[in-house]
Amino acid sequence: MTSRRHILKLGLTLPLLLDSGGRALADQLLDDIGLVLRKPTLGGLLPDGVPVPARKPGTPAPRPLIVLDAGHGGQDPGAIGPSGTYEKTVALDLTLKIAATLQRAGLQVKLTRRSDVFLPLSTRAAIAHRARAEFFVSIHADSAPNTDARGLSCYTLSETASDKLADALATRENAVDLLPGVPRGVDPEVAAILFDLTRRHSLNASLAHKASIIKSVSKDLRLLDNPKRSANFAVLRVPDVPAVLIETGFLSNHSDEKLLADPVARGKIADVLALALAGAVQVT
């Protein structure tokens, strides 16, 4: 097992490795402890200005891989609407529909679950990490303390929630399990250093994706007030993959529940979201 001293040394030297062009060594060191640092591209350049390696002539561009996560499942129903609509059912149906549309459009898609099964939050995050995804999207339809709250919203990871509602939603979601999205057996202090080192390379991409998604869906779907929010969602703790959580509506609201319980309406929502996600992966 990697020693504490070795990991702390990595935490101090990693920025120097990156700045000096030693990405291969940095990636190998991070791989040794179960994390991979990948930097999203922006306009053909890495964020620090390092050119993206050119592909060989005639080699097709790799298709972006999106990992879709249907929230809840199995013994965890998620939110339950007044009429008995289960969040886990809505989330899975939307996710399967979104995946089918994205695949028809030529994108690669991986699902964390395809059936009514339970997955710990850390497992969902780990799937995106191991797949080295371009984008991780967790699909939900939660409940809110205020039954008047309705509409779609999109969240990125933040240690401090953007507002009370975002904080309440994250607390509710994280109650499913409290395992952090970092390797087991690593000292918490060291894990925090590694998490911060890798997270900064994907956070900007996550924020750009969030803005792109909201702009795209605003033409066709009702949005929650201030739809671009942030909170400390455990499922978004994928430090090397841009990640967002989408609340497609609130089952605690009668109108949203009626909409989300309708298979035809869900199909339309899925089409709008698929278009938004396909557009978002072009941001970085």
Protein backbone atom coordinates (compact mmCIF):
# COMPACT_ATOMS: atom_id res chain seq x y z
CA MET A 1 0.00 0.00 0.00
CA THR A 2 1.25 3.47 -0.81
CA SER A 3 2.63 5.15 2.28
CA ARG A 4 1.31 8.40 3.70
CA ARG A 5 4.68 10.04 3.08
CA HIS A 6 4.66 8.95 -0.57
CA ILE A 7 1.17 10.34 -1.14
CA LEU A 8 1.92 13.62 0.61
CA LYS A 9 5.05 13.95 -1.51
CA LEU A 10 2.90 13.41 -4.58
CA GLY A 11 0.52 16.12 -3.39
CA LEU A 12 3.41 18.58 -3.16
CA THR A 13 5.11 17.61 -6.42
CA LEU A 14 2.14 17.01 -8.71
CA PRO A 15 1.70 20.68 -9.73
CA LEU A 16 5.40 20.81 -10.63
CA LEU A 17 5.10 17.60 -12.64
CA LEU A 18 2.19 19.02 -14.57
CA ASP A 19 3.83 22.38 -15.19
CA SER A 20 7.03 20.72 -16.40
CA GLY A 21 5.21 18.47 -18.83
CA GLY A 22 5.54 15.32 -16.76
CA ARG A 23 1.90 14.28 -17.20
CA ALA A 24 2.73 10.61 -17.88
CA LEU A 25 4.57 10.28 -14.57
CA ALA A 26 1.86 12.17 -12.70
CA ASP A 27 -0.87 9.98 -14.17
CA GLN A 28 1.08 6.84 -13.25
CA LEU A 29 1.53 7.99 -9.67
CA LEU A 30 -2.15 8.77 -9.34
CA ASP A 31 -3.08 5.46 -10.93
CA ASP A 32 -0.96 3.69 -8.29
CA ILE A 33 -3.31 4.96 -5.58
CA GLY A 34 -6.54 4.55 -7.49
CA LEU A 35 -7.09 8.01 -8.97
CA VAL A 36 -6.50 9.24 -12.50
CA LEU A 37 -5.94 12.90 -13.28
CA ARG A 38 -7.30 13.80 -16.69
CA LYS A 39 -7.53 17.36 -17.93
CA PRO A 40 -10.46 18.37 -20.13
CA THR A 41 -9.60 20.04 -23.40
CA LEU A 42 -10.78 23.51 -24.30
CA GLY A 43 -10.42 24.78 -27.85
CA GLY A 44 -7.70 22.25 -28.69
CA LEU A 45 -5.58 23.13 -25.67
CA LEU A 46 -5.27 21.71 -22.21
CA PRO A 47 -6.17 24.29 -19.52
CA ASP A 48 -2.52 25.10 -18.85
CA GLY A 49 -1.86 25.76 -22.54
CA VAL A 50 -0.27 22.41 -23.40
CA PRO A 51 -1.33 21.40 -26.94
CA VAL A 52 -3.47 18.30 -27.30
CA PRO A 53 -1.44 15.55 -29.03
CA ALA A 54 -2.42 15.41 -32.71
CA ARG A 55 -4.14 12.30 -34.05
CA LYS A 56 -2.59 10.37 -36.89
CA PRO A 57 -3.99 11.32 -40.32
CA GLY A 58 -7.13 9.37 -41.10
CA THR A 59 -7.73 8.41 -37.48
CA PRO A 60 -11.33 9.24 -36.48
CA ALA A 61 -11.88 11.38 -33.42
CA PRO A 62 -12.81 9.27 -30.38
CA ARG A 63 -16.50 9.44 -29.57
CA PRO A 64 -17.18 11.05 -26.18
CA LEU A 65 -18.20 8.62 -23.44
CA ILE A 66 -21.03 9.73 -21.17
CA VAL A 67 -21.83 7.77 -18.02
CA LEU A 68 -25.50 8.06 -17.08
CA ASP A 69 -26.56 7.31 -13.54
CA ALA A 70 -30.21 6.59 -12.75
CA GLY A 71 -30.64 7.70 -9.15
CA HIS A 72 -31.69 5.31 -6.37
CA GLY A 73 -32.95 1.77 -7.11
CA GLY A 74 -33.64 -1.51 -5.36
CA GLN A 75 -34.46 -1.06 -1.69
CA ASP A 76 -33.93 2.69 -2.08
CA PRO A 77 -37.01 4.16 -3.80
CA GLY A 78 -35.86 7.75 -3.54
CA ALA A 79 -38.63 10.31 -3.31
CA ILE A 80 -42.23 9.09 -3.46
CA GLY A 81 -44.89 11.44 -4.83
CA PRO A 82 -48.32 11.94 -3.22
CA SER A 83 -49.82 9.68 -5.91
CA GLY A 84 -47.23 6.96 -5.31
CA THR A 85 -44.73 7.72 -8.10
CA TYR A 86 -41.28 6.36 -7.23
CA GLU A 87 -38.22 8.44 -8.06
CA LYS A 88 -36.18 5.31 -8.81
CA THR A 89 -38.67 4.31 -11.53
CA VAL A 90 -38.78 7.76 -13.12
CA ALA A 91 -35.00 8.11 -13.04
CA LEU A 92 -34.37 4.72 -14.64
CA ASP A 93 -36.91 5.21 -17.42
CA LEU A 94 -35.55 8.67 -18.24
CA THR A 95 -31.97 7.39 -18.20
CA LEU A 96 -32.70 4.47 -20.53
CA LYS A 97 -34.48 6.79 -22.96
CA ILE A 98 -31.68 9.37 -22.87
CA ALA A 99 -29.09 6.64 -23.42
CA ALA A 100 -30.91 5.27 -26.46
CA THR A 101 -31.12 8.71 -28.04
CA LEU A 102 -27.46 9.50 -27.38
CA GLN A 103 -26.35 6.17 -28.83
CA ARG A 104 -28.37 6.79 -31.98
CA ALA A 105 -26.56 10.12 -32.24
CA GLY A 106 -23.21 8.29 -32.20
CA LEU A 107 -22.07 8.91 -28.64
CA GLN A 108 -20.77 6.21 -26.32
CA VAL A 109 -22.95 5.67 -23.26
CA LYS A 110 -22.39 3.61 -20.13
CA LEU A 111 -25.08 3.14 -17.49
CA THR A 112 -24.47 2.64 -13.78
CA ARG A 113 -27.65 0.54 -13.63
CA ARG A 114 -30.08 -0.87 -16.19
CA SER A 115 -32.60 -2.38 -13.79
CA ASP A 116 -34.14 -1.90 -10.36
CA VAL A 117 -31.01 -2.57 -8.30
CA PHE A 118 -29.32 -0.71 -5.46
CA LEU A 119 -25.86 0.79 -5.93
CA PRO A 120 -23.88 2.70 -3.28
CA LEU A 121 -23.08 6.28 -4.23
CA SER A 122 -19.37 5.56 -4.21
CA THR A 123 -19.87 2.71 -6.67
CA ARG A 124 -21.69 4.99 -9.10
CA ALA A 125 -18.85 7.51 -8.96
CA ALA A 126 -16.27 4.75 -9.34
CA ILE A 127 -17.91 3.51 -12.54
CA ALA A 128 -17.38 6.91 -14.17
CA HIS A 129 -13.82 7.08 -12.87
CA ARG A 130 -12.86 3.62 -14.13
CA ALA A 131 -14.46 4.27 -17.52
CA ARG A 132 -12.48 7.52 -17.82
CA ALA A 133 -15.68 9.15 -18.97
CA GLU A 134 -15.93 12.49 -20.68
CA PHE A 135 -18.98 13.34 -18.60
CA PHE A 136 -20.93 11.87 -15.67
CA VAL A 137 -24.64 12.70 -15.28
CA SER A 138 -26.83 11.55 -12.40
CA ILE A 139 -30.59 11.71 -13.11
CA HIS A 140 -33.11 12.33 -10.31
CA ALA A 141 -36.64 13.55 -9.52
CA ASP A 142 -36.52 14.43 -5.84
CA SER A 143 -38.88 16.03 -3.35
CA ALA A 144 -38.65 19.47 -1.77
CA PRO A 145 -39.78 20.81 1.63
CA ASN A 146 -41.88 23.38 -0.24
CA THR A 147 -44.48 21.56 -2.33
CA ASP A 148 -44.75 24.60 -4.61
CA ALA A 149 -41.19 24.02 -5.83
CA ARG A 150 -41.19 22.57 -9.33
CA GLY A 151 -39.11 22.48 -12.49
CA LEU A 152 -35.76 21.15 -13.67
CA SER A 153 -32.47 22.14 -12.06
CA CYS A 154 -28.83 21.16 -12.51
CA TYR A 155 -26.20 20.83 -9.79
CA THR A 156 -22.42 20.71 -9.64
CA LEU A 157 -20.30 19.67 -6.67
CA SER A 158 -19.49 22.23 -4.01
CA GLU A 159 -18.48 21.84 -0.38
CA THR A 160 -20.77 24.76 0.42
CA ALA A 161 -24.28 24.58 -1.00
CA SER A 162 -25.51 27.43 -3.16
CA ASP A 163 -28.75 27.66 -1.15
CA LYS A 164 -30.84 25.91 1.51
CA LEU A 165 -32.79 23.81 -0.98
CA ALA A 166 -29.60 22.53 -2.62
CA ASP A 167 -28.18 21.71 0.79
CA ALA A 168 -31.34 19.84 1.79
CA LEU A 169 -31.34 17.83 -1.44
CA ALA A 170 -27.68 16.86 -1.04
CA THR A 171 -28.25 15.81 2.57
CA ARG A 172 -31.18 13.65 1.52
CA GLU A 173 -29.27 12.04 -1.36
CA ASN A 174 -26.11 11.46 0.69
CA ALA A 175 -28.09 9.65 3.37
CA VAL A 176 -28.24 6.64 1.04
CA ASP A 177 -24.66 5.89 2.02
CA LEU A 178 -21.88 8.00 3.41
CA LEU A 179 -18.89 6.43 1.67
CA PRO A 180 -16.62 9.08 0.13
CA GLY A 181 -15.56 8.76 -3.49
CA VAL A 182 -11.91 8.20 -2.69
CA PRO A 183 -9.87 5.00 -2.40
CA ARG A 184 -10.37 2.92 0.74
CA GLY A 185 -7.50 2.79 3.18
CA VAL A 186 -6.15 6.23 2.33
CA ASP A 187 -5.70 8.62 5.22
CA PRO A 188 -8.58 11.17 5.17
CA GLU A 189 -6.20 14.12 5.19
CA VAL A 190 -4.21 12.71 2.29
CA ALA A 191 -7.38 11.80 0.43
CA ALA A 192 -8.53 15.40 0.73
CA ILE A 193 -5.28 16.61 -0.85
CA LEU A 194 -5.64 14.23 -3.76
CA PHE A 195 -9.28 15.09 -4.17
CA ASP A 196 -8.51 18.81 -4.40
CA LEU A 197 -5.65 18.24 -6.82
CA THR A 198 -7.75 16.30 -9.27
CA ARG A 199 -11.07 18.09 -8.79
CA ARG A 200 -9.79 21.45 -9.96
CA HIS A 201 -9.15 20.02 -13.43
CA SER A 202 -12.76 18.96 -13.90
CA LEU A 203 -14.71 21.57 -11.93
CA ASN A 204 -14.55 24.23 -14.64
CA ALA A 205 -15.78 21.72 -17.19
CA SER A 206 -18.65 20.74 -14.88
CA LEU A 207 -19.69 24.36 -14.52
CA ALA A 208 -19.58 24.85 -18.28
CA HIS A 209 -21.67 21.71 -18.79
CA LYS A 210 -24.22 22.91 -16.25
CA ALA A 211 -24.60 26.26 -17.99
CA SER A 212 -24.86 24.59 -21.39
CA ILE A 213 -27.54 22.14 -20.22
CA ILE A 214 -29.71 24.81 -18.61
CA LYS A 215 -29.45 27.07 -21.65
CA SER A 216 -30.40 24.20 -23.95
CA VAL A 217 -33.39 22.85 -22.02
CA SER A 218 -34.79 26.26 -21.05
CA LYS A 219 -36.49 26.51 -24.45
CA ASP A 220 -38.58 23.38 -23.87
CA LEU A 221 -38.79 22.53 -20.17
CA ARG A 222 -39.95 24.36 -17.08
CA LEU A 223 -37.04 25.31 -14.84
CA LEU A 224 -36.77 25.70 -11.09
CA ASP A 225 -36.04 29.23 -9.88
CA ASN A 226 -32.26 29.72 -10.09
CA PRO A 227 -31.79 26.37 -11.85
CA LYS A 228 -27.97 26.43 -11.79
CA ARG A 229 -27.12 25.30 -8.28
CA SER A 230 -24.41 23.48 -6.35
CA ALA A 231 -24.13 21.29 -3.26
CA ASN A 232 -21.98 18.57 -1.72
CA PHE A 233 -23.56 15.58 -3.49
CA ALA A 234 -21.57 12.43 -2.71
CA VAL A 235 -22.42 10.90 -6.10
CA LEU A 236 -20.63 13.81 -7.82
CA ARG A 237 -17.34 13.13 -6.05
CA VAL A 238 -15.61 11.99 -9.22
CA PRO A 239 -12.60 14.30 -9.12
CA ASP A 240 -11.25 13.47 -12.57
CA VAL A 241 -14.55 13.49 -14.50
CA PRO A 242 -16.83 16.51 -15.08
CA ALA A 243 -20.07 15.66 -13.28
CA VAL A 244 -23.54 17.10 -12.80
CA LEU A 245 -26.73 15.98 -11.09
CA ILE A 246 -30.01 16.81 -12.83
CA GLU A 247 -33.25 17.07 -10.88
CA THR A 248 -35.85 16.65 -13.61
CA GLY A 249 -38.55 17.92 -11.29
CA PHE A 250 -40.02 17.43 -7.82
CA LEU A 251 -42.35 14.55 -7.08
CA SER A 252 -43.53 16.50 -4.04
CA ASN A 253 -45.25 18.91 -6.46
CA HIS A 254 -48.54 17.67 -7.92
CA SER A 255 -47.91 19.11 -11.40
CA ASP A 256 -44.35 17.77 -11.62
CA GLU A 257 -45.41 14.35 -10.38
CA LYS A 258 -48.20 14.16 -12.96
CA LEU A 259 -45.74 15.08 -15.70
CA LEU A 260 -43.00 12.70 -14.60
CA ALA A 261 -45.44 9.82 -14.13
CA ASP A 262 -46.58 10.11 -17.76
CA PRO A 263 -44.48 7.85 -20.07
CA VAL A 264 -45.15 10.11 -23.08
CA ALA A 265 -44.05 13.21 -21.19
CA ARG A 266 -40.96 11.39 -19.94
CA GLY A 267 -40.08 10.56 -23.52
CA LYS A 268 -40.20 14.23 -24.47
CA ILE A 269 -38.14 15.21 -21.43
CA ALA A 270 -35.58 12.54 -22.30
CA ASP A 271 -35.27 13.82 -25.87
CA VAL A 272 -34.67 17.38 -24.66
CA LEU A 273 -32.09 16.23 -22.13
CA ALA A 274 -30.29 14.01 -24.63
CA LEU A 275 -29.90 16.95 -26.99
CA ALA A 276 -28.61 19.09 -24.12
CA LEU A 277 -26.08 16.47 -22.98
CA ALA A 278 -24.82 15.90 -26.51
CA GLY A 279 -24.28 19.64 -26.82
CA ALA A 280 -22.63 19.90 -23.41
CA VAL A 281 -19.82 17.44 -24.21
CA GLN A 282 -18.81 19.75 -27.05
CA VAL A 283 -18.12 22.53 -24.52
CA THR A 284 -14.82 21.03 -23.42
